[in-house]
Structures are given as structure tokens and as C-alpha cells.
Amino acid sequence: DSAGVLDWLSAPPALPARRIDLGGNHEATMLAALEGAPG
């Protein structure tokens, strides 16, 4: 349920705490793939 994770995290923060979200290699790979290059 990656779509559910991104739904949850892209909404306004639900906790009384500062939020910091770091990126990983899977987000980088997904964003690159969405540009459509075959590799």
C-alpha cells in the first residue's frame, strides 16, 4: 500500500511534533521512472 503511505504522509501533520521527511533510493528511482526512460 504505497499509495496509502503517500496519502497519509502528504496530508497535514497529524501529530503535535515537527515533521522531517527524508528521501530514500526508492523515491529517487520511482521519480526517475516516471520520466519514462526505458532504463
Full PDB file with SEQRES, HELIX, SHEET, SSBOND, CRYST1, ORIGX, SCALE, CONECT and MASTER records, all heavy atoms in Angstrom:
SEQRES   1 A   39  ASP SER ALA GLY VAL LEU ASP TRP LEU SER ALA PRO PRO          
SEQRES   2 A   39  ALA LEU PRO ALA ARG ARG ILE ASP LEU GLY GLY ASN HIS          
SEQRES   3 A   39  GLU ALA THR MET LEU ALA ALA LEU GLU GLY ALA PRO GLY          
HELIX    1 AA1 SER A    2  SER A   10  1                                   9    
HELIX    2 AA2 ASN A   25  ALA A   33  1                                   9    
CRYST1    1.000    1.000    1.000  90.00  90.00  90.00 P 1           1          
ORIGX1      1.000000  0.000000  0.000000        0.00000                         
ORIGX2      0.000000  1.000000  0.000000        0.00000                         
ORIGX3      0.000000  0.000000  1.000000        0.00000                         
SCALE1      1.000000  0.000000  0.000000        0.00000                         
SCALE2      0.000000  1.000000  0.000000        0.00000                         
SCALE3      0.000000  0.000000  1.000000        0.00000                         
ATOM      1  N   ASP A   1       0.817  -1.215   0.000  1.00  0.00           N  
ATOM      2  CA  ASP A   1       0.000   0.000   0.000  1.00  0.00           C  
ATOM      3  C   ASP A   1       0.853   1.268   0.000  1.00  0.00           C  
ATOM      4  O   ASP A   1       0.717   2.125   0.877  1.00  0.00           O  
ATOM      5  CB  ASP A   1      -0.956  -0.003   1.198  1.00  0.00           C  
ATOM      6  CG  ASP A   1      -2.063   1.051   1.059  1.00  0.00           C  
ATOM      7  OD1 ASP A   1      -2.190   1.653  -0.037  1.00  0.00           O  
ATOM      8  OD2 ASP A   1      -2.782   1.283   2.043  1.00  0.00           O  
ATOM      9  N   SER A   2       1.698   1.407  -1.015  1.00  0.00           N  
ATOM     10  CA  SER A   2       2.487   2.633  -1.136  1.00  0.00           C  
ATOM     11  C   SER A   2       1.592   3.854  -1.316  1.00  0.00           C  
ATOM     12  O   SER A   2       1.879   4.929  -0.784  1.00  0.00           O  
ATOM     13  CB  SER A   2       3.457   2.522  -2.308  1.00  0.00           C  
ATOM     14  OG  SER A   2       4.445   1.543  -2.050  1.00  0.00           O  
ATOM     15  N   ALA A   3       0.511   3.709  -2.071  1.00  0.00           N  
ATOM     16  CA  ALA A   3      -0.408   4.837  -2.264  1.00  0.00           C  
ATOM     17  C   ALA A   3      -0.980   5.294  -0.922  1.00  0.00           C  
ATOM     18  O   ALA A   3      -1.113   6.498  -0.668  1.00  0.00           O  
ATOM     19  CB  ALA A   3      -1.534   4.444  -3.220  1.00  0.00           C  
ATOM     20  N   GLY A   4      -1.304   4.346  -0.049  1.00  0.00           N  
ATOM     21  CA  GLY A   4      -1.819   4.702   1.269  1.00  0.00           C  
ATOM     22  C   GLY A   4      -0.782   5.407   2.131  1.00  0.00           C  
ATOM     23  O   GLY A   4      -1.112   6.332   2.880  1.00  0.00           O  
ATOM     24  N   VAL A   5       0.474   4.979   2.028  1.00  0.00           N  
ATOM     25  CA  VAL A   5       1.548   5.650   2.766  1.00  0.00           C  
ATOM     26  C   VAL A   5       1.672   7.097   2.319  1.00  0.00           C  
ATOM     27  O   VAL A   5       1.745   8.025   3.135  1.00  0.00           O  
ATOM     28  CB  VAL A   5       2.890   4.910   2.569  1.00  0.00           C  
ATOM     29  CG1 VAL A   5       4.044   5.741   3.122  1.00  0.00           C  
ATOM     30  CG2 VAL A   5       2.851   3.546   3.248  1.00  0.00           C  
ATOM     31  N   LEU A   6       1.695   7.326   0.994  1.00  0.00           N  
ATOM     32  CA  LEU A   6       1.857   8.690   0.493  1.00  0.00           C  
ATOM     33  C   LEU A   6       0.622   9.536   0.767  1.00  0.00           C  
ATOM     34  O   LEU A   6       0.744  10.742   1.011  1.00  0.00           O  
ATOM     35  CB  LEU A   6       2.181   8.663  -1.000  1.00  0.00           C  
ATOM     36  CG  LEU A   6       3.516   8.003  -1.366  1.00  0.00           C  
ATOM     37  CD1 LEU A   6       3.782   8.127  -2.856  1.00  0.00           C  
ATOM     38  CD2 LEU A   6       4.673   8.576  -0.570  1.00  0.00           C  
ATOM     39  N   ASP A   7      -0.558   8.931   0.750  1.00  0.00           N  
ATOM     40  CA  ASP A   7      -1.772   9.652   1.160  1.00  0.00           C  
ATOM     41  C   ASP A   7      -1.629  10.164   2.598  1.00  0.00           C  
ATOM     42  O   ASP A   7      -1.924  11.316   2.898  1.00  0.00           O  
ATOM     43  CB  ASP A   7      -2.983   8.709   1.095  1.00  0.00           C  
ATOM     44  CG  ASP A   7      -3.869   8.990  -0.098  1.00  0.00           C  
ATOM     45  OD1 ASP A   7      -3.734  10.055  -0.727  1.00  0.00           O  
ATOM     46  OD2 ASP A   7      -4.701   8.126  -0.406  1.00  0.00           O  
ATOM     47  N   TRP A   8      -1.182   9.279   3.466  1.00  0.00           N  
ATOM     48  CA  TRP A   8      -1.079   9.601   4.889  1.00  0.00           C  
ATOM     49  C   TRP A   8      -0.029  10.678   5.140  1.00  0.00           C  
ATOM     50  O   TRP A   8      -0.256  11.624   5.893  1.00  0.00           O  
ATOM     51  CB  TRP A   8      -0.744   8.330   5.654  1.00  0.00           C  
ATOM     52  CG  TRP A   8      -0.607   8.467   7.135  1.00  0.00           C  
ATOM     53  CD1 TRP A   8       0.550   8.484   7.858  1.00  0.00           C  
ATOM     54  CD2 TRP A   8      -1.670   8.585   8.093  1.00  0.00           C  
ATOM     55  NE1 TRP A   8       0.287   8.605   9.200  1.00  0.00           N  
ATOM     56  CE2 TRP A   8      -1.060   8.667   9.376  1.00  0.00           C  
ATOM     57  CE3 TRP A   8      -3.057   8.619   7.996  1.00  0.00           C  
ATOM     58  CZ2 TRP A   8      -1.812   8.782  10.548  1.00  0.00           C  
ATOM     59  CZ3 TRP A   8      -3.800   8.736   9.164  1.00  0.00           C  
ATOM     60  CH2 TRP A   8      -3.180   8.821  10.418  1.00  0.00           C  
ATOM     61  N   LEU A   9       1.120  10.555   4.485  1.00  0.00           N  
ATOM     62  CA  LEU A   9       2.220  11.456   4.771  1.00  0.00           C  
ATOM     63  C   LEU A   9       2.135  12.786   4.031  1.00  0.00           C  
ATOM     64  O   LEU A   9       2.716  13.780   4.483  1.00  0.00           O  
ATOM     65  CB  LEU A   9       3.555  10.771   4.449  1.00  0.00           C  
ATOM     66  CG  LEU A   9       3.926   9.611   5.376  1.00  0.00           C  
ATOM     67  CD1 LEU A   9       5.204   8.945   4.899  1.00  0.00           C  
ATOM     68  CD2 LEU A   9       4.077  10.083   6.818  1.00  0.00           C  
ATOM     69  N   SER A  10       1.450  12.815   2.891  1.00  0.00           N  
ATOM     70  CA  SER A  10       1.340  14.076   2.158  1.00  0.00           C  
ATOM     71  C   SER A  10       0.231  14.968   2.697  1.00  0.00           C  
ATOM     72  O   SER A  10       0.098  16.122   2.291  1.00  0.00           O  
ATOM     73  CB  SER A  10       1.127  13.816   0.666  1.00  0.00           C  
ATOM     74  OG  SER A  10      -0.066  13.084   0.446  1.00  0.00           O  
ATOM     75  N   ALA A  11      -0.569  14.444   3.634  1.00  0.00           N  
ATOM     76  CA  ALA A  11      -1.599  15.253   4.295  1.00  0.00           C  
ATOM     77  C   ALA A  11      -0.940  16.096   5.386  1.00  0.00           C  
ATOM     78  O   ALA A  11       0.197  15.859   5.773  1.00  0.00           O  
ATOM     79  CB  ALA A  11      -2.666  14.339   4.894  1.00  0.00           C  
ATOM     80  N   PRO A  12      -1.652  17.104   5.906  1.00  0.00           N  
ATOM     81  CA  PRO A  12      -1.091  17.903   7.004  1.00  0.00           C  
ATOM     82  C   PRO A  12      -0.709  17.026   8.183  1.00  0.00           C  
ATOM     83  O   PRO A  12      -1.373  16.017   8.466  1.00  0.00           O  
ATOM     84  CB  PRO A  12      -2.240  18.853   7.372  1.00  0.00           C  
ATOM     85  CG  PRO A  12      -3.059  18.945   6.133  1.00  0.00           C  
ATOM     86  CD  PRO A  12      -2.970  17.601   5.476  1.00  0.00           C  
ATOM     87  N   PRO A  13       0.365  17.332   8.907  1.00  0.00           N  
ATOM     88  CA  PRO A  13       0.803  16.510  10.040  1.00  0.00           C  
ATOM     89  C   PRO A  13      -0.294  16.323  11.071  1.00  0.00           C  
ATOM     90  O   PRO A  13      -1.006  17.258  11.419  1.00  0.00           O  
ATOM     91  CB  PRO A  13       1.980  17.302  10.619  1.00  0.00           C  
ATOM     92  CG  PRO A  13       2.461  18.159   9.492  1.00  0.00           C  
ATOM     93  CD  PRO A  13       1.241  18.485   8.672  1.00  0.00           C  
ATOM     94  N   ALA A  14      -0.440  15.079  11.535  1.00  0.00           N  
ATOM     95  CA  ALA A  14      -1.496  14.770  12.494  1.00  0.00           C  
ATOM     96  C   ALA A  14      -0.989  14.754  13.930  1.00  0.00           C  
ATOM     97  O   ALA A  14      -1.791  14.618  14.846  1.00  0.00           O  
ATOM     98  CB  ALA A  14      -2.108  13.413  12.149  1.00  0.00           C  
ATOM     99  N   LEU A  15       0.313  14.880  14.126  1.00  0.00           N  
ATOM    100  CA  LEU A  15       0.885  14.789  15.464  1.00  0.00           C  
ATOM    101  C   LEU A  15       1.392  16.152  15.927  1.00  0.00           C  
ATOM    102  O   LEU A  15       1.836  16.961  15.105  1.00  0.00           O  
ATOM    103  CB  LEU A  15       2.044  13.791  15.466  1.00  0.00           C  
ATOM    104  CG  LEU A  15       1.655  12.323  15.283  1.00  0.00           C  
ATOM    105  CD1 LEU A  15       2.896  11.480  15.025  1.00  0.00           C  
ATOM    106  CD2 LEU A  15       0.918  11.808  16.504  1.00  0.00           C  
ATOM    107  N   PRO A  16       1.386  16.401  17.237  1.00  0.00           N  
ATOM    108  CA  PRO A  16       1.889  17.681  17.762  1.00  0.00           C  
ATOM    109  C   PRO A  16       3.421  17.685  17.828  1.00  0.00           C  
ATOM    110  O   PRO A  16       4.020  17.802  18.896  1.00  0.00           O  
ATOM    111  CB  PRO A  16       1.260  17.748  19.149  1.00  0.00           C  
ATOM    112  CG  PRO A  16       1.149  16.311  19.566  1.00  0.00           C  
ATOM    113  CD  PRO A  16       0.834  15.550  18.309  1.00  0.00           C  
ATOM    114  N   ALA A  17       4.045  17.520  16.681  1.00  0.00           N  
ATOM    115  CA  ALA A  17       5.502  17.464  16.610  1.00  0.00           C  
ATOM    116  C   ALA A  17       5.946  18.013  15.265  1.00  0.00           C  
ATOM    117  O   ALA A  17       5.217  17.919  14.265  1.00  0.00           O  
ATOM    118  CB  ALA A  17       5.998  16.022  16.768  1.00  0.00           C  
ATOM    119  N   ARG A  18       7.116  18.580  15.219  1.00  0.00           N  
ATOM    120  CA  ARG A  18       7.712  18.961  13.943  1.00  0.00           C  
ATOM    121  C   ARG A  18       7.927  17.709  13.103  1.00  0.00           C  
ATOM    122  O   ARG A  18       8.286  16.660  13.628  1.00  0.00           O  
ATOM    123  CB  ARG A  18       9.051  19.655  14.208  1.00  0.00           C  
ATOM    124  CG  ARG A  18       9.807  20.027  12.944  1.00  0.00           C  
ATOM    125  CD  ARG A  18      11.070  20.794  13.239  1.00  0.00           C  
ATOM    126  NE  ARG A  18      12.049  20.023  13.982  1.00  0.00           N  
ATOM    127  CZ  ARG A  18      13.347  20.258  13.968  1.00  0.00           C  
ATOM    128  NH1 ARG A  18      13.839  21.281  13.276  1.00  0.00           N  
ATOM    129  NH2 ARG A  18      14.169  19.525  14.685  1.00  0.00           N  
ATOM    130  N   ARG A  19       7.700  17.812  11.805  1.00  0.00           N  
ATOM    131  CA  ARG A  19       7.891  16.685  10.893  1.00  0.00           C  
ATOM    132  C   ARG A  19       9.082  16.938   9.982  1.00  0.00           C  
ATOM    133  O   ARG A  19       9.198  18.004   9.372  1.00  0.00           O  
ATOM    134  CB  ARG A  19       6.660  16.507  10.006  1.00  0.00           C  
ATOM    135  CG  ARG A  19       5.635  15.505  10.482  1.00  0.00           C  
ATOM    136  CD  ARG A  19       5.779  14.127   9.896  1.00  0.00           C  
ATOM    137  NE  ARG A  19       5.796  14.093   8.459  1.00  0.00           N  
ATOM    138  CZ  ARG A  19       4.697  14.040   7.693  1.00  0.00           C  
ATOM    139  NH1 ARG A  19       3.502  14.066   8.225  1.00  0.00           N  
ATOM    140  NH2 ARG A  19       4.817  13.977   6.379  1.00  0.00           N  
ATOM    141  N   ILE A  20       9.958  15.947   9.858  1.00  0.00           N  
ATOM    142  CA  ILE A  20      11.059  15.984   8.902  1.00  0.00           C  
ATOM    143  C   ILE A  20      11.013  14.690   8.106  1.00  0.00           C  
ATOM    144  O   ILE A  20      11.038  13.596   8.697  1.00  0.00           O  
ATOM    145  CB  ILE A  20      12.422  16.144   9.602  1.00  0.00           C  
ATOM    146  CG1 ILE A  20      12.490  17.493  10.315  1.00  0.00           C  
ATOM    147  CG2 ILE A  20      13.573  15.993   8.600  1.00  0.00           C  
ATOM    148  CD1 ILE A  20      13.723  17.671  11.170  1.00  0.00           C  
ATOM    149  N   ASP A  21      10.932  14.798   6.788  1.00  0.00           N  
ATOM    150  CA  ASP A  21      10.816  13.634   5.917  1.00  0.00           C  
ATOM    151  C   ASP A  21      12.012  13.597   4.973  1.00  0.00           C  
ATOM    152  O   ASP A  21      12.205  14.515   4.170  1.00  0.00           O  
ATOM    153  CB  ASP A  21       9.515  13.692   5.110  1.00  0.00           C  
ATOM    154  CG  ASP A  21       8.289  13.758   6.013  1.00  0.00           C  
ATOM    155  OD1 ASP A  21       8.254  13.032   7.009  1.00  0.00           O  
ATOM    156  OD2 ASP A  21       7.369  14.538   5.705  1.00  0.00           O  
ATOM    157  N   LEU A  22      12.809  12.553   5.086  1.00  0.00           N  
ATOM    158  CA  LEU A  22      13.968  12.374   4.223  1.00  0.00           C  
ATOM    159  C   LEU A  22      13.635  11.409   3.092  1.00  0.00           C  
ATOM    160  O   LEU A  22      12.757  10.553   3.226  1.00  0.00           O  
ATOM    161  CB  LEU A  22      15.150  11.837   5.030  1.00  0.00           C  
ATOM    162  CG  LEU A  22      15.569  12.661   6.246  1.00  0.00           C  
ATOM    163  CD1 LEU A  22      16.770  12.009   6.938  1.00  0.00           C  
ATOM    164  CD2 LEU A  22      15.889  14.101   5.851  1.00  0.00           C  
ATOM    165  N   GLY A  23      14.343  11.548   1.984  1.00  0.00           N  
ATOM    166  CA  GLY A  23      14.106  10.693   0.832  1.00  0.00           C  
ATOM    167  C   GLY A  23      15.063   9.517   0.795  1.00  0.00           C  
ATOM    168  O   GLY A  23      16.202   9.599   1.253  1.00  0.00           O  
ATOM    169  N   GLY A  24      14.584   8.410   0.222  1.00  0.00           N  
ATOM    170  CA  GLY A  24      15.404   7.226   0.046  1.00  0.00           C  
ATOM    171  C   GLY A  24      15.624   6.910  -1.417  1.00  0.00           C  
ATOM    172  O   GLY A  24      15.125   7.600  -2.313  1.00  0.00           O  
ATOM    173  N   ASN A  25      16.347   5.846  -1.672  1.00  0.00           N  
ATOM    174  CA  ASN A  25      16.628   5.461  -3.052  1.00  0.00           C  
ATOM    175  C   ASN A  25      15.378   5.038  -3.806  1.00  0.00           C  
ATOM    176  O   ASN A  25      15.293   5.216  -5.029  1.00  0.00           O  
ATOM    177  CB  ASN A  25      17.676   4.342  -3.092  1.00  0.00           C  
ATOM    178  CG  ASN A  25      17.263   3.104  -2.327  1.00  0.00           C  
ATOM    179  OD1 ASN A  25      16.995   3.168  -1.118  1.00  0.00           O  
ATOM    180  ND2 ASN A  25      17.211   1.968  -2.996  1.00  0.00           N  
ATOM    181  N   HIS A  26      14.375   4.495  -3.120  1.00  0.00           N  
ATOM    182  CA  HIS A  26      13.175   4.054  -3.836  1.00  0.00           C  
ATOM    183  C   HIS A  26      12.353   5.235  -4.339  1.00  0.00           C  
ATOM    184  O   HIS A  26      11.764   5.152  -5.429  1.00  0.00           O  
ATOM    185  CB  HIS A  26      12.354   3.115  -2.957  1.00  0.00           C  
ATOM    186  CG  HIS A  26      12.919   1.729  -2.922  1.00  0.00           C  
ATOM    187  ND1 HIS A  26      12.460   0.712  -3.717  1.00  0.00           N  
ATOM    188  CD2 HIS A  26      13.951   1.211  -2.207  1.00  0.00           C  
ATOM    189  CE1 HIS A  26      13.164  -0.383  -3.490  1.00  0.00           C  
ATOM    190  NE2 HIS A  26      14.079  -0.105  -2.570  1.00  0.00           N  
ATOM    191  N   GLU A  27      12.301   6.320  -3.593  1.00  0.00           N  
ATOM    192  CA  GLU A  27      11.616   7.504  -4.121  1.00  0.00           C  
ATOM    193  C   GLU A  27      12.373   8.068  -5.327  1.00  0.00           C  
ATOM    194  O   GLU A  27      11.761   8.448  -6.334  1.00  0.00           O  
ATOM    195  CB  GLU A  27      11.488   8.589  -3.047  1.00  0.00           C  
ATOM    196  CG  GLU A  27      10.490   8.253  -1.957  1.00  0.00           C  
ATOM    197  CD  GLU A  27      11.003   7.222  -0.981  1.00  0.00           C  
ATOM    198  OE1 GLU A  27      12.091   7.430  -0.395  1.00  0.00           O  
ATOM    199  OE2 GLU A  27      10.319   6.185  -0.822  1.00  0.00           O  
ATOM    200  N   ALA A  28      13.707   8.112  -5.235  1.00  0.00           N  
ATOM    201  CA  ALA A  28      14.501   8.607  -6.358  1.00  0.00           C  
ATOM    202  C   ALA A  28      14.304   7.739  -7.594  1.00  0.00           C  
ATOM    203  O   ALA A  28      14.175   8.244  -8.716  1.00  0.00           O  
ATOM    204  CB  ALA A  28      15.978   8.657  -5.966  1.00  0.00           C  
ATOM    205  N   THR A  29      14.260   6.429  -7.399  1.00  0.00           N  
ATOM    206  CA  THR A  29      14.090   5.515  -8.530  1.00  0.00           C  
ATOM    207  C   THR A  29      12.698   5.655  -9.130  1.00  0.00           C  
ATOM    208  O   THR A  29      12.533   5.645 -10.357  1.00  0.00           O  
ATOM    209  CB  THR A  29      14.340   4.067  -8.066  1.00  0.00           C  
ATOM    210  OG1 THR A  29      15.652   3.971  -7.512  1.00  0.00           O  
ATOM    211  CG2 THR A  29      14.224   3.093  -9.225  1.00  0.00           C  
ATOM    212  N   MET A  30      11.686   5.799  -8.290  1.00  0.00           N  
ATOM    213  CA  MET A  30      10.315   5.973  -8.776  1.00  0.00           C  
ATOM    214  C   MET A  30      10.175   7.263  -9.575  1.00  0.00           C  
ATOM    215  O   MET A  30       9.605   7.269 -10.677  1.00  0.00           O  
ATOM    216  CB  MET A  30       9.346   5.967  -7.599  1.00  0.00           C  
ATOM    217  CG  MET A  30       7.892   6.202  -7.973  1.00  0.00           C  
ATOM    218  SD  MET A  30       6.826   6.107  -6.501  1.00  0.00           S  
ATOM    219  CE  MET A  30       5.250   6.648  -7.185  1.00  0.00           C  
ATOM    220  N   LEU A  31      10.700   8.359  -9.051  1.00  0.00           N  
ATOM    221  CA  LEU A  31      10.591   9.636  -9.756  1.00  0.00           C  
ATOM    222  C   LEU A  31      11.323   9.595 -11.085  1.00  0.00           C  
ATOM    223  O   LEU A  31      10.841  10.145 -12.091  1.00  0.00           O  
ATOM    224  CB  LEU A  31      11.119  10.765  -8.881  1.00  0.00           C  
ATOM    225  CG  LEU A  31      10.258  11.124  -7.669  1.00  0.00           C  
ATOM    226  CD1 LEU A  31      10.998  12.108  -6.760  1.00  0.00           C  
ATOM    227  CD2 LEU A  31       8.916  11.704  -8.093  1.00  0.00           C  
ATOM    228  N   ALA A  32      12.474   8.944 -11.133  1.00  0.00           N  
ATOM    229  CA  ALA A  32      13.191   8.811 -12.397  1.00  0.00           C  
ATOM    230  C   ALA A  32      12.379   7.990 -13.392  1.00  0.00           C  
ATOM    231  O   ALA A  32      12.289   8.333 -14.580  1.00  0.00           O  
ATOM    232  CB  ALA A  32      14.562   8.178 -12.170  1.00  0.00           C  
ATOM    233  N   ALA A  33      11.761   6.902 -12.926  1.00  0.00           N  
ATOM    234  CA  ALA A  33      10.977   6.044 -13.818  1.00  0.00           C  
ATOM    235  C   ALA A  33       9.786   6.788 -14.412  1.00  0.00           C  
ATOM    236  O   ALA A  33       9.393   6.546 -15.561  1.00  0.00           O  
ATOM    237  CB  ALA A  33      10.500   4.808 -13.066  1.00  0.00           C  
ATOM    238  N   LEU A  34       9.205   7.692 -13.642  1.00  0.00           N  
ATOM    239  CA  LEU A  34       8.033   8.421 -14.135  1.00  0.00           C  
ATOM    240  C   LEU A  34       8.378   9.365 -15.280  1.00  0.00           C  
ATOM    241  O   LEU A  34       7.475   9.837 -15.976  1.00  0.00           O  
ATOM    242  CB  LEU A  34       7.388   9.198 -12.985  1.00  0.00           C  
ATOM    243  CG  LEU A  34       6.686   8.326 -11.942  1.00  0.00           C  
ATOM    244  CD1 LEU A  34       6.271   9.142 -10.733  1.00  0.00           C  
ATOM    245  CD2 LEU A  34       5.480   7.626 -12.551  1.00  0.00           C  
ATOM    246  N   GLU A  35       9.666   9.625 -15.502  1.00  0.00           N  
ATOM    247  CA  GLU A  35      10.068  10.399 -16.677  1.00  0.00           C  
ATOM    248  C   GLU A  35      10.034   9.555 -17.945  1.00  0.00           C  
ATOM    249  O   GLU A  35      10.066  10.099 -19.054  1.00  0.00           O  
ATOM    250  CB  GLU A  35      11.468  10.984 -16.471  1.00  0.00           C  
ATOM    251  CG  GLU A  35      11.574  11.954 -15.299  1.00  0.00           C  
ATOM    252  CD  GLU A  35      10.638  13.144 -15.460  1.00  0.00           C  
ATOM    253  OE1 GLU A  35      10.581  13.700 -16.572  1.00  0.00           O  
ATOM    254  OE2 GLU A  35       9.967  13.502 -14.467  1.00  0.00           O  
ATOM    255  N   GLY A  36      10.001   8.233 -17.800  1.00  0.00           N  
ATOM    256  CA  GLY A  36       9.734   7.354 -18.937  1.00  0.00           C  
ATOM    257  C   GLY A  36      10.935   6.776 -19.649  1.00  0.00           C  
ATOM    258  O   GLY A  36      10.756   6.017 -20.607  1.00  0.00           O  
ATOM    259  N   ALA A  37      12.171   7.077 -19.236  1.00  0.00           N  
ATOM    260  CA  ALA A  37      13.333   6.488 -19.900  1.00  0.00           C  
ATOM    261  C   ALA A  37      13.324   4.978 -19.663  1.00  0.00           C  
ATOM    262  O   ALA A  37      13.131   4.523 -18.529  1.00  0.00           O  
ATOM    263  CB  ALA A  37      14.621   7.099 -19.364  1.00  0.00           C  
ATOM    264  N   PRO A  38      13.514   4.162 -20.730  1.00  0.00           N  
ATOM    265  CA  PRO A  38      13.376   2.703 -20.583  1.00  0.00           C  
ATOM    266  C   PRO A  38      14.241   2.110 -19.469  1.00  0.00           C  
ATOM    267  O   PRO A  38      13.785   1.235 -18.725  1.00  0.00           O  
ATOM    268  CB  PRO A  38      13.788   2.178 -21.962  1.00  0.00           C  
ATOM    269  CG  PRO A  38      13.464   3.300 -22.898  1.00  0.00           C  
ATOM    270  CD  PRO A  38      13.754   4.559 -22.127  1.00  0.00           C  
ATOM    271  N   GLY A  39      15.493   2.568 -19.346  1.00  0.00           N  
ATOM    272  CA  GLY A  39      16.353   2.021 -18.299  1.00  0.00           C  
ATOM    273  C   GLY A  39      15.834   2.322 -16.915  1.00  0.00           C  
ATOM    274  O   GLY A  39      15.861   1.454 -16.023  1.00  0.00           O  
TER     275      GLY A  39                                                      
MASTER        0    0    0    2    0    0    0    6  274    1    0    3          
END                                                                             
